Amino acid sequence: MLTWKLEDVINGSSTRQRPFMDKPTKWRPTTPAEMTEIRRELEEVLAAPSFANSKRYPAFLRYVIEKTLHGHAEELKERTLGTEILHRAPDYDSNNDTIVRVTAGEVRRRLFDFYHRAGAEHAIHISLPLGSYVPEFFRVEQHNPQTEIATEAGPYSGRLDEGNLTASHPATPGGLLRRLA
């Protein structure tokens, strides 16, 4: 569930355009249909400007996702990624050439940016956790906008109507707080 600060609700600086979401649930696709969902999400991520304007980062992300979906996640090691994706010699020194770690870090950053901007409302999220090259997949449950909003001042019950939040709370004058877009 999103948590809004009272002053953000009053001042209109909250993320009211986004649906209310629970914490993403880690998910492992097992059926061909679920794997197709992941591939569809991958294509949407790769179409974003932060990935579309690069050759290395989309290739890296596509490779690790496909290896994972095909059941070969154990092959996602630094040396393998360096030789298979980044065209390093098989005997390259990964201690001196940090290209794989740098690329993975940049992919993580770009995924984070994507899911906190354009992809925030997506039902599936892809993550590349720190310390690993194996991607993780999450399902994000989206709820009916009539829900409870937790704030620092206490719970509100309210609804979202065309971008306007109407919420009842005993601490507000008259018990009603209305924020217009």
N, C-alpha and C. Protein backbone atom coordinates (compact mmCIF):
# COMPACT_ATOMS: atom_id res chain seq x y z
N MET A 1 0.85 -1.18 0.00
CA MET A 1 0.00 0.00 0.00
C MET A 1 0.89 1.24 0.00
N LEU A 2 0.55 2.22 -0.79
CA LEU A 2 1.29 3.47 -0.78
C LEU A 2 1.11 4.16 0.56
N THR A 3 2.12 4.83 1.03
CA THR A 3 2.03 5.61 2.24
C THR A 3 2.20 7.07 1.86
N TRP A 4 1.24 7.89 2.21
CA TRP A 4 1.28 9.30 1.89
C TRP A 4 1.47 10.09 3.15
N LYS A 5 2.30 11.13 3.09
CA LYS A 5 2.43 12.05 4.20
C LYS A 5 1.27 13.03 4.12
N LEU A 6 0.75 13.43 5.27
CA LEU A 6 -0.39 14.34 5.31
C LEU A 6 -0.10 15.61 4.52
N GLU A 7 1.11 16.17 4.69
CA GLU A 7 1.41 17.42 3.99
C GLU A 7 1.46 17.21 2.48
N ASP A 8 1.85 16.02 2.01
CA ASP A 8 1.83 15.74 0.58
C ASP A 8 0.41 15.69 0.04
N VAL A 9 -0.49 15.11 0.82
CA VAL A 9 -1.89 15.05 0.40
C VAL A 9 -2.47 16.45 0.34
N ILE A 10 -2.20 17.25 1.35
CA ILE A 10 -2.73 18.61 1.42
C ILE A 10 -2.14 19.48 0.33
N ASN A 11 -0.81 19.37 0.11
CA ASN A 11 -0.13 20.23 -0.85
C ASN A 11 -0.22 19.73 -2.29
N GLY A 12 -0.76 18.55 -2.49
CA GLY A 12 -0.92 18.05 -3.85
C GLY A 12 0.35 17.48 -4.45
N SER A 13 1.34 17.11 -3.64
CA SER A 13 2.59 16.61 -4.20
C SER A 13 2.71 15.09 -4.09
N SER A 14 1.63 14.40 -3.82
CA SER A 14 1.67 12.95 -3.73
C SER A 14 1.56 12.34 -5.12
N THR A 15 1.74 11.03 -5.20
CA THR A 15 1.67 10.33 -6.48
C THR A 15 0.25 9.85 -6.72
N ARG A 16 -0.68 10.75 -6.78
CA ARG A 16 -2.09 10.40 -6.89
C ARG A 16 -2.46 9.72 -8.19
N GLN A 17 -1.65 9.88 -9.24
CA GLN A 17 -1.99 9.31 -10.53
C GLN A 17 -1.76 7.80 -10.55
N ARG A 18 -0.95 7.28 -9.67
CA ARG A 18 -0.64 5.86 -9.68
C ARG A 18 -1.65 5.09 -8.86
N PRO A 19 -1.94 3.86 -9.26
CA PRO A 19 -2.89 3.06 -8.49
C PRO A 19 -2.28 2.67 -7.16
N PHE A 20 -3.13 2.31 -6.23
CA PHE A 20 -2.67 1.83 -4.95
C PHE A 20 -2.12 0.43 -5.13
N MET A 21 -0.93 0.17 -4.60
CA MET A 21 -0.30 -1.12 -4.80
C MET A 21 0.21 -1.69 -3.50
N ASP A 22 0.13 -3.00 -3.38
CA ASP A 22 0.77 -3.69 -2.28
C ASP A 22 2.23 -3.87 -2.61
N LYS A 23 2.97 -4.36 -1.65
CA LYS A 23 4.36 -4.69 -1.88
C LYS A 23 4.43 -5.78 -2.95
N PRO A 24 5.34 -5.65 -3.91
CA PRO A 24 5.45 -6.68 -4.94
C PRO A 24 5.75 -8.05 -4.34
N THR A 25 5.20 -9.08 -4.97
CA THR A 25 5.39 -10.45 -4.52
C THR A 25 6.38 -11.14 -5.45
N LYS A 26 7.44 -11.71 -4.88
CA LYS A 26 8.42 -12.42 -5.69
C LYS A 26 7.72 -13.60 -6.35
N TRP A 27 8.08 -13.84 -7.61
CA TRP A 27 7.36 -14.81 -8.40
C TRP A 27 8.32 -15.51 -9.34
N ARG A 28 8.13 -16.78 -9.52
CA ARG A 28 8.97 -17.56 -10.42
C ARG A 28 8.09 -18.14 -11.53
N PRO A 29 8.25 -17.66 -12.75
CA PRO A 29 7.42 -18.17 -13.84
C PRO A 29 7.76 -19.63 -14.14
N THR A 30 6.73 -20.44 -14.31
CA THR A 30 6.96 -21.87 -14.57
C THR A 30 6.28 -22.34 -15.85
N THR A 31 5.20 -21.71 -16.24
CA THR A 31 4.48 -22.16 -17.43
C THR A 31 4.93 -21.35 -18.65
N PRO A 32 4.72 -21.88 -19.84
CA PRO A 32 5.05 -21.11 -21.05
C PRO A 32 4.32 -19.77 -21.11
N ALA A 33 3.09 -19.73 -20.66
CA ALA A 33 2.33 -18.47 -20.65
C ALA A 33 2.97 -17.44 -19.72
N GLU A 34 3.43 -17.89 -18.55
CA GLU A 34 4.09 -16.97 -17.62
C GLU A 34 5.42 -16.48 -18.17
N MET A 35 6.13 -17.36 -18.85
CA MET A 35 7.40 -16.95 -19.47
C MET A 35 7.16 -15.94 -20.59
N THR A 36 6.06 -16.10 -21.28
CA THR A 36 5.69 -15.13 -22.32
C THR A 36 5.38 -13.78 -21.68
N GLU A 37 4.74 -13.79 -20.52
CA GLU A 37 4.48 -12.53 -19.79
C GLU A 37 5.79 -11.82 -19.46
N ILE A 38 6.78 -12.58 -19.01
CA ILE A 38 8.08 -12.00 -18.66
C ILE A 38 8.73 -11.41 -19.92
N ARG A 39 8.68 -12.14 -21.01
CA ARG A 39 9.27 -11.64 -22.26
C ARG A 39 8.56 -10.38 -22.76
N ARG A 40 7.26 -10.34 -22.60
CA ARG A 40 6.51 -9.14 -22.97
C ARG A 40 6.95 -7.94 -22.12
N GLU A 41 7.10 -8.19 -20.82
CA GLU A 41 7.56 -7.12 -19.92
C GLU A 41 8.97 -6.69 -20.29
N LEU A 42 9.82 -7.66 -20.62
CA LEU A 42 11.19 -7.34 -21.04
C LEU A 42 11.18 -6.42 -22.25
N GLU A 43 10.34 -6.71 -23.22
CA GLU A 43 10.27 -5.87 -24.43
C GLU A 43 9.82 -4.46 -24.09
N GLU A 44 8.90 -4.32 -23.14
CA GLU A 44 8.47 -2.98 -22.73
C GLU A 44 9.60 -2.23 -22.03
N VAL A 45 10.33 -2.93 -21.19
CA VAL A 45 11.48 -2.31 -20.51
C VAL A 45 12.51 -1.88 -21.53
N LEU A 46 12.83 -2.74 -22.47
CA LEU A 46 13.87 -2.45 -23.46
C LEU A 46 13.45 -1.35 -24.43
N ALA A 47 12.16 -1.10 -24.56
CA ALA A 47 11.67 -0.02 -25.43
C ALA A 47 11.80 1.34 -24.76
N ALA A 48 12.01 1.37 -23.46
CA ALA A 48 12.16 2.64 -22.73
C ALA A 48 13.43 3.33 -23.20
N PRO A 49 13.45 4.66 -23.24
CA PRO A 49 14.63 5.39 -23.72
C PRO A 49 15.93 5.03 -23.01
N SER A 50 15.86 4.73 -21.72
CA SER A 50 17.09 4.43 -20.99
C SER A 50 17.74 3.13 -21.46
N PHE A 51 16.97 2.24 -22.07
CA PHE A 51 17.53 1.01 -22.63
C PHE A 51 17.64 1.08 -24.15
N ALA A 52 16.68 1.70 -24.80
CA ALA A 52 16.64 1.72 -26.27
C ALA A 52 17.84 2.44 -26.87
N ASN A 53 18.43 3.36 -26.15
CA ASN A 53 19.56 4.14 -26.67
C ASN A 53 20.91 3.49 -26.39
N SER A 54 20.90 2.22 -26.02
CA SER A 54 22.13 1.51 -25.69
C SER A 54 22.12 0.15 -26.39
N LYS A 55 23.29 -0.41 -26.59
CA LYS A 55 23.38 -1.77 -27.12
C LYS A 55 23.76 -2.75 -26.01
N ARG A 56 24.65 -2.33 -25.13
CA ARG A 56 25.18 -3.22 -24.10
C ARG A 56 24.13 -3.60 -23.05
N TYR A 57 23.39 -2.63 -22.53
CA TYR A 57 22.47 -2.89 -21.42
C TYR A 57 21.29 -3.77 -21.82
N PRO A 58 20.67 -3.51 -22.97
CA PRO A 58 19.59 -4.43 -23.39
C PRO A 58 20.10 -5.85 -23.63
N ALA A 59 21.29 -5.97 -24.24
CA ALA A 59 21.85 -7.30 -24.50
C ALA A 59 22.10 -8.04 -23.19
N PHE A 60 22.63 -7.33 -22.21
CA PHE A 60 22.90 -7.92 -20.90
C PHE A 60 21.60 -8.41 -20.25
N LEU A 61 20.60 -7.53 -20.20
CA LEU A 61 19.34 -7.87 -19.54
C LEU A 61 18.63 -9.01 -20.26
N ARG A 62 18.58 -8.95 -21.57
CA ARG A 62 17.94 -10.02 -22.34
C ARG A 62 18.63 -11.36 -22.10
N TYR A 63 19.96 -11.36 -22.08
CA TYR A 63 20.72 -12.59 -21.89
C TYR A 63 20.44 -13.22 -20.52
N VAL A 64 20.51 -12.42 -19.46
CA VAL A 64 20.31 -13.00 -18.12
C VAL A 64 18.87 -13.47 -17.93
N ILE A 65 17.92 -12.78 -18.53
CA ILE A 65 16.52 -13.21 -18.41
C ILE A 65 16.30 -14.51 -19.19
N GLU A 66 16.79 -14.58 -20.40
CA GLU A 66 16.59 -15.79 -21.20
C GLU A 66 17.28 -17.00 -20.55
N LYS A 67 18.49 -16.81 -20.05
CA LYS A 67 19.18 -17.91 -19.36
C LYS A 67 18.36 -18.38 -18.15
N THR A 68 17.80 -17.45 -17.41
CA THR A 68 17.00 -17.79 -16.24
C THR A 68 15.72 -18.51 -16.65
N LEU A 69 15.04 -18.01 -17.66
CA LEU A 69 13.80 -18.65 -18.11
C LEU A 69 14.03 -20.05 -18.67
N HIS A 70 15.20 -20.27 -19.24
CA HIS A 70 15.53 -21.60 -19.76
C HIS A 70 16.10 -22.54 -18.69
N GLY A 71 16.15 -22.08 -17.45
CA GLY A 71 16.60 -22.93 -16.36
C GLY A 71 18.11 -23.03 -16.21
N HIS A 72 18.83 -22.03 -16.72
CA HIS A 72 20.29 -22.04 -16.66
C HIS A 72 20.84 -20.88 -15.83
N ALA A 73 20.15 -20.52 -14.80
CA ALA A 73 20.58 -19.39 -13.96
C ALA A 73 21.94 -19.65 -13.32
N GLU A 74 22.26 -20.91 -13.07
CA GLU A 74 23.55 -21.24 -12.45
C GLU A 74 24.73 -20.88 -13.35
N GLU A 75 24.49 -20.65 -14.64
CA GLU A 75 25.54 -20.28 -15.59
C GLU A 75 25.83 -18.78 -15.59
N LEU A 76 25.05 -18.01 -14.85
CA LEU A 76 25.22 -16.56 -14.86
C LEU A 76 26.32 -16.13 -13.89
N LYS A 77 27.53 -16.35 -14.33
CA LYS A 77 28.73 -15.99 -13.57
C LYS A 77 29.44 -14.85 -14.29
N GLU A 78 30.24 -14.11 -13.57
CA GLU A 78 30.91 -12.93 -14.14
C GLU A 78 31.73 -13.27 -15.38
N ARG A 79 32.54 -14.30 -15.33
CA ARG A 79 33.39 -14.65 -16.47
C ARG A 79 32.54 -15.05 -17.68
N THR A 80 31.50 -15.82 -17.46
CA THR A 80 30.62 -16.24 -18.56
C THR A 80 29.96 -15.03 -19.21
N LEU A 81 29.45 -14.12 -18.40
CA LEU A 81 28.81 -12.92 -18.94
C LEU A 81 29.82 -12.06 -19.70
N GLY A 82 31.03 -11.97 -19.19
CA GLY A 82 32.07 -11.20 -19.86
C GLY A 82 32.41 -11.74 -21.24
N THR A 83 32.49 -13.06 -21.35
CA THR A 83 32.85 -13.65 -22.65
C THR A 83 31.65 -13.75 -23.58
N GLU A 84 30.48 -14.12 -23.06
CA GLU A 84 29.30 -14.33 -23.90
C GLU A 84 28.66 -13.04 -24.39
N ILE A 85 28.56 -12.05 -23.54
CA ILE A 85 27.84 -10.82 -23.90
C ILE A 85 28.78 -9.69 -24.27
N LEU A 86 29.82 -9.54 -23.48
CA LEU A 86 30.69 -8.37 -23.61
C LEU A 86 31.95 -8.66 -24.42
N HIS A 87 32.03 -9.84 -25.00
CA HIS A 87 33.07 -10.23 -25.95
C HIS A 87 34.49 -10.11 -25.41
N ARG A 88 34.67 -10.48 -24.16
CA ARG A 88 36.00 -10.54 -23.58
C ARG A 88 36.62 -11.89 -23.92
N ALA A 89 37.93 -11.94 -23.92
CA ALA A 89 38.64 -13.21 -24.18
C ALA A 89 38.33 -14.17 -23.04
N PRO A 90 38.33 -15.48 -23.31
CA PRO A 90 38.00 -16.46 -22.26
C PRO A 90 38.91 -16.38 -21.04
N ASP A 91 40.13 -15.88 -21.20
CA ASP A 91 41.07 -15.81 -20.08
C ASP A 91 41.20 -14.39 -19.51
N TYR A 92 40.22 -13.53 -19.78
CA TYR A 92 40.35 -12.15 -19.29
C TYR A 92 40.34 -12.13 -17.76
N ASP A 93 41.00 -11.14 -17.20
CA ASP A 93 41.13 -11.00 -15.75
C ASP A 93 39.96 -10.16 -15.22
N SER A 94 38.99 -10.81 -14.60
CA SER A 94 37.81 -10.10 -14.10
C SER A 94 38.13 -9.20 -12.90
N ASN A 95 39.29 -9.41 -12.26
CA ASN A 95 39.69 -8.51 -11.17
C ASN A 95 40.12 -7.15 -11.70
N ASN A 96 40.74 -7.13 -12.86
CA ASN A 96 41.21 -5.88 -13.45
C ASN A 96 40.19 -5.27 -14.41
N ASP A 97 39.36 -6.09 -15.02
CA ASP A 97 38.35 -5.63 -15.97
C ASP A 97 36.97 -5.80 -15.32
N THR A 98 36.44 -4.70 -14.86
CA THR A 98 35.18 -4.74 -14.09
C THR A 98 33.95 -4.51 -14.95
N ILE A 99 34.06 -4.71 -16.25
CA ILE A 99 32.98 -4.39 -17.17
C ILE A 99 31.66 -5.08 -16.82
N VAL A 100 31.71 -6.32 -16.37
CA VAL A 100 30.48 -7.04 -16.04
C VAL A 100 29.80 -6.41 -14.82
N ARG A 101 30.58 -6.11 -13.78
CA ARG A 101 30.01 -5.51 -12.58
C ARG A 101 29.46 -4.11 -12.87
N VAL A 102 30.17 -3.34 -13.67
CA VAL A 102 29.73 -2.00 -14.03
C VAL A 102 28.44 -2.07 -14.86
N THR A 103 28.41 -2.99 -15.81
CA THR A 103 27.22 -3.15 -16.65
C THR A 103 26.02 -3.59 -15.82
N ALA A 104 26.22 -4.55 -14.93
CA ALA A 104 25.13 -5.01 -14.07
C ALA A 104 24.62 -3.86 -13.19
N GLY A 105 25.52 -3.08 -12.66
CA GLY A 105 25.12 -1.93 -11.83
C GLY A 105 24.30 -0.92 -12.62
N GLU A 106 24.70 -0.68 -13.85
CA GLU A 106 23.96 0.27 -14.68
C GLU A 106 22.59 -0.29 -15.07
N VAL A 107 22.51 -1.59 -15.34
CA VAL A 107 21.22 -2.21 -15.63
C VAL A 107 20.31 -2.11 -14.41
N ARG A 108 20.85 -2.34 -13.21
CA ARG A 108 20.06 -2.20 -11.98
C ARG A 108 19.50 -0.79 -11.86
N ARG A 109 20.35 0.19 -12.09
CA ARG A 109 19.93 1.59 -11.97
C ARG A 109 18.83 1.92 -12.99
N ARG A 110 19.00 1.45 -14.20
CA ARG A 110 18.02 1.73 -15.25
C ARG A 110 16.69 1.02 -14.97
N LEU A 111 16.74 -0.19 -14.45
CA LEU A 111 15.51 -0.88 -14.06
C LEU A 111 14.79 -0.12 -12.95
N PHE A 112 15.57 0.31 -11.96
CA PHE A 112 14.99 1.08 -10.85
C PHE A 112 14.30 2.33 -11.38
N ASP A 113 14.99 3.07 -12.25
CA ASP A 113 14.40 4.28 -12.82
C ASP A 113 13.14 3.96 -13.60
N PHE A 114 13.17 2.91 -14.40
CA PHE A 114 12.01 2.54 -15.20
C PHE A 114 10.80 2.24 -14.32
N TYR A 115 11.00 1.44 -13.28
CA TYR A 115 9.87 1.04 -12.44
C TYR A 115 9.43 2.12 -11.45
N HIS A 116 10.17 3.18 -11.36
CA HIS A 116 9.74 4.30 -10.53
C HIS A 116 9.24 5.46 -11.39
N ARG A 117 9.15 5.23 -12.68
CA ARG A 117 8.62 6.24 -13.60
C ARG A 117 7.60 5.59 -14.51
N ALA A 118 7.97 5.36 -15.74
CA ALA A 118 7.03 4.86 -16.76
C ALA A 118 6.45 3.49 -16.42
N GLY A 119 7.23 2.62 -15.79
CA GLY A 119 6.78 1.27 -15.52
C GLY A 119 6.17 1.05 -14.16
N ALA A 120 5.89 2.13 -13.44
CA ALA A 120 5.39 2.00 -12.07
C ALA A 120 4.07 1.24 -11.99
N GLU A 121 3.26 1.33 -13.01
CA GLU A 121 1.94 0.70 -12.98
C GLU A 121 1.94 -0.70 -13.58
N HIS A 122 3.09 -1.18 -14.01
CA HIS A 122 3.14 -2.51 -14.61
C HIS A 122 2.85 -3.59 -13.58
N ALA A 123 2.18 -4.63 -14.02
CA ALA A 123 1.81 -5.73 -13.13
C ALA A 123 2.98 -6.67 -12.86
N ILE A 124 4.00 -6.63 -13.70
CA ILE A 124 5.20 -7.45 -13.52
C ILE A 124 6.40 -6.52 -13.46
N HIS A 125 7.27 -6.77 -12.49
CA HIS A 125 8.51 -6.01 -12.37
C HIS A 125 9.69 -6.96 -12.46
N ILE A 126 10.75 -6.52 -13.11
CA ILE A 126 11.97 -7.29 -13.24
C ILE A 126 13.03 -6.58 -12.41
N SER A 127 13.81 -7.37 -11.68
CA SER A 127 14.85 -6.81 -10.83
C SER A 127 16.13 -7.61 -11.00
N LEU A 128 17.25 -6.94 -10.82
CA LEU A 128 18.55 -7.60 -10.81
C LEU A 128 19.17 -7.30 -9.44
N PRO A 129 19.02 -8.23 -8.49
CA PRO A 129 19.44 -7.93 -7.11
C PRO A 129 20.96 -7.75 -6.99
N LEU A 130 21.34 -6.96 -6.03
CA LEU A 130 22.77 -6.75 -5.74
C LEU A 130 23.43 -8.07 -5.40
N GLY A 131 24.65 -8.25 -5.87
CA GLY A 131 25.40 -9.45 -5.55
C GLY A 131 25.04 -10.66 -6.39
N SER A 132 24.20 -10.46 -7.41
CA SER A 132 23.77 -11.57 -8.25
C SER A 132 23.54 -11.08 -9.67
N TYR A 133 23.68 -11.99 -10.60
CA TYR A 133 23.36 -11.69 -11.99
C TYR A 133 22.08 -12.42 -12.41
N VAL A 134 21.41 -13.05 -11.46
CA VAL A 134 20.18 -13.78 -11.74
C VAL A 134 19.00 -12.83 -11.49
N PRO A 135 18.21 -12.57 -12.53
CA PRO A 135 17.08 -11.65 -12.35
C PRO A 135 15.99 -12.26 -11.47
N GLU A 136 15.24 -11.37 -10.83
CA GLU A 136 14.09 -11.78 -10.05
C GLU A 136 12.86 -11.13 -10.68
N PHE A 137 11.74 -11.81 -10.54
CA PHE A 137 10.49 -11.34 -11.12
C PHE A 137 9.48 -11.15 -10.00
N PHE A 138 8.70 -10.08 -10.12
CA PHE A 138 7.72 -9.75 -9.10
C PHE A 138 6.38 -9.46 -9.76
N ARG A 139 5.33 -9.89 -9.09
CA ARG A 139 3.97 -9.52 -9.47
C ARG A 139 3.54 -8.41 -8.53
N VAL A 140 2.90 -7.41 -9.08
CA VAL A 140 2.41 -6.30 -8.29
C VAL A 140 0.89 -6.31 -8.38
N GLU A 141 0.25 -6.53 -7.25
CA GLU A 141 -1.21 -6.54 -7.21
C GLU A 141 -1.71 -5.11 -7.21
N GLN A 142 -2.62 -4.80 -8.12
CA GLN A 142 -3.23 -3.48 -8.15
C GLN A 142 -4.63 -3.61 -7.58
N HIS A 143 -5.00 -2.64 -6.76
CA HIS A 143 -6.25 -2.70 -6.03
C HIS A 143 -7.24 -1.67 -6.50
N ASN A 144 -8.46 -1.91 -6.09
CA ASN A 144 -9.52 -0.95 -6.31
C ASN A 144 -9.14 0.35 -5.62
N PRO A 145 -9.31 1.50 -6.26
CA PRO A 145 -8.94 2.76 -5.63
C PRO A 145 -9.67 3.06 -4.33
N GLN A 146 -10.79 2.39 -4.03
CA GLN A 146 -11.44 2.60 -2.75
C GLN A 146 -10.70 1.76 -1.72
N THR A 147 -9.82 2.39 -1.01
CA THR A 147 -8.94 1.68 -0.09
C THR A 147 -8.57 2.59 1.07
N GLU A 148 -7.87 2.05 2.00
CA GLU A 148 -7.39 2.85 3.12
C GLU A 148 -6.03 3.42 2.79
N ILE A 149 -5.81 4.66 3.13
CA ILE A 149 -4.53 5.32 2.90
C ILE A 149 -3.87 5.54 4.24
N ALA A 150 -2.68 5.02 4.42
CA ALA A 150 -1.97 5.19 5.69
C ALA A 150 -1.16 6.49 5.61
N THR A 151 -1.28 7.32 6.63
CA THR A 151 -0.52 8.56 6.69
C THR A 151 0.11 8.66 8.06
N GLU A 152 0.99 9.63 8.20
CA GLU A 152 1.60 9.84 9.51
C GLU A 152 0.56 10.30 10.52
N ALA A 153 -0.50 10.95 10.05
CA ALA A 153 -1.54 11.44 10.95
C ALA A 153 -2.56 10.37 11.30
N GLY A 154 -2.48 9.22 10.65
CA GLY A 154 -3.43 8.16 10.91
C GLY A 154 -4.09 7.67 9.65
N PRO A 155 -4.95 6.67 9.76
CA PRO A 155 -5.57 6.10 8.56
C PRO A 155 -6.67 6.99 8.00
N TYR A 156 -6.73 7.02 6.69
CA TYR A 156 -7.81 7.67 5.98
C TYR A 156 -8.55 6.59 5.23
N SER A 157 -9.84 6.73 5.11
CA SER A 157 -10.54 5.91 4.14
C SER A 157 -10.99 6.87 3.08
N GLY A 158 -10.81 6.51 1.84
CA GLY A 158 -11.16 7.46 0.80
C GLY A 158 -11.22 6.80 -0.55
N ARG A 159 -11.43 7.61 -1.56
CA ARG A 159 -11.47 7.08 -2.90
C ARG A 159 -10.82 8.08 -3.85
N LEU A 160 -10.43 7.58 -4.99
CA LEU A 160 -9.80 8.41 -5.99
C LEU A 160 -10.79 8.58 -7.14
N ASP A 161 -11.22 9.81 -7.38
CA ASP A 161 -12.17 10.11 -8.45
C ASP A 161 -11.51 11.06 -9.42
N GLU A 162 -11.20 10.57 -10.61
CA GLU A 162 -10.62 11.39 -11.67
C GLU A 162 -9.48 12.27 -11.14
N GLY A 163 -8.58 11.69 -10.38
CA GLY A 163 -7.42 12.42 -9.89
C GLY A 163 -7.63 13.19 -8.61
N ASN A 164 -8.82 13.22 -8.07
CA ASN A 164 -9.09 13.95 -6.84
C ASN A 164 -9.24 12.98 -5.69
N LEU A 165 -8.53 13.22 -4.62
CA LEU A 165 -8.63 12.37 -3.45
C LEU A 165 -9.65 12.97 -2.50
N THR A 166 -10.60 12.18 -2.10
CA THR A 166 -11.56 12.59 -1.08
C THR A 166 -11.36 11.63 0.08
N ALA A 167 -11.01 12.14 1.23
CA ALA A 167 -10.72 11.27 2.36
C ALA A 167 -11.36 11.80 3.63
N SER A 168 -11.79 10.88 4.46
CA SER A 168 -12.37 11.25 5.76
C SER A 168 -11.37 10.94 6.85
N HIS A 169 -11.22 11.84 7.77
CA HIS A 169 -10.35 11.62 8.91
C HIS A 169 -10.81 12.53 10.03
N PRO A 170 -10.90 12.00 11.23
CA PRO A 170 -11.41 12.81 12.35
C PRO A 170 -10.53 13.99 12.71
N ALA A 171 -9.24 13.99 12.33
CA ALA A 171 -8.34 15.07 12.71
C ALA A 171 -8.47 16.29 11.81
N THR A 172 -9.16 16.15 10.69
CA THR A 172 -9.28 17.28 9.78
C THR A 172 -10.53 18.07 10.12
N PRO A 173 -10.53 19.38 9.87
CA PRO A 173 -11.71 20.19 10.17
C PRO A 173 -12.93 19.64 9.44
N GLY A 174 -13.96 19.34 10.16
CA GLY A 174 -15.17 18.82 9.56
C GLY A 174 -15.05 17.36 9.17
N GLY A 175 -13.88 16.76 9.42
CA GLY A 175 -13.67 15.35 9.11
C GLY A 175 -13.48 15.07 7.63
N LEU A 176 -13.38 16.11 6.79
CA LEU A 176 -13.26 15.86 5.35
C LEU A 176 -12.08 16.63 4.79
N LEU A 177 -11.29 15.95 4.02
CA LEU A 177 -10.14 16.56 3.36
C LEU A 177 -10.32 16.33 1.88
N ARG A 178 -10.26 17.37 1.08
CA ARG A 178 -10.41 17.19 -0.36
C ARG A 178 -9.22 17.87 -1.05
N ARG A 179 -8.54 17.10 -1.87
CA ARG A 179 -7.42 17.64 -2.61
C ARG A 179 -7.81 17.64 -4.08
N LEU A 180 -7.75 18.80 -4.69
CA LEU A 180 -8.09 18.93 -6.09
C LEU A 180 -6.82 18.83 -6.93
N ALA A 181 -6.94 18.31 -8.11
CA ALA A 181 -5.79 18.16 -9.02
C ALA A 181 -5.24 19.50 -9.42
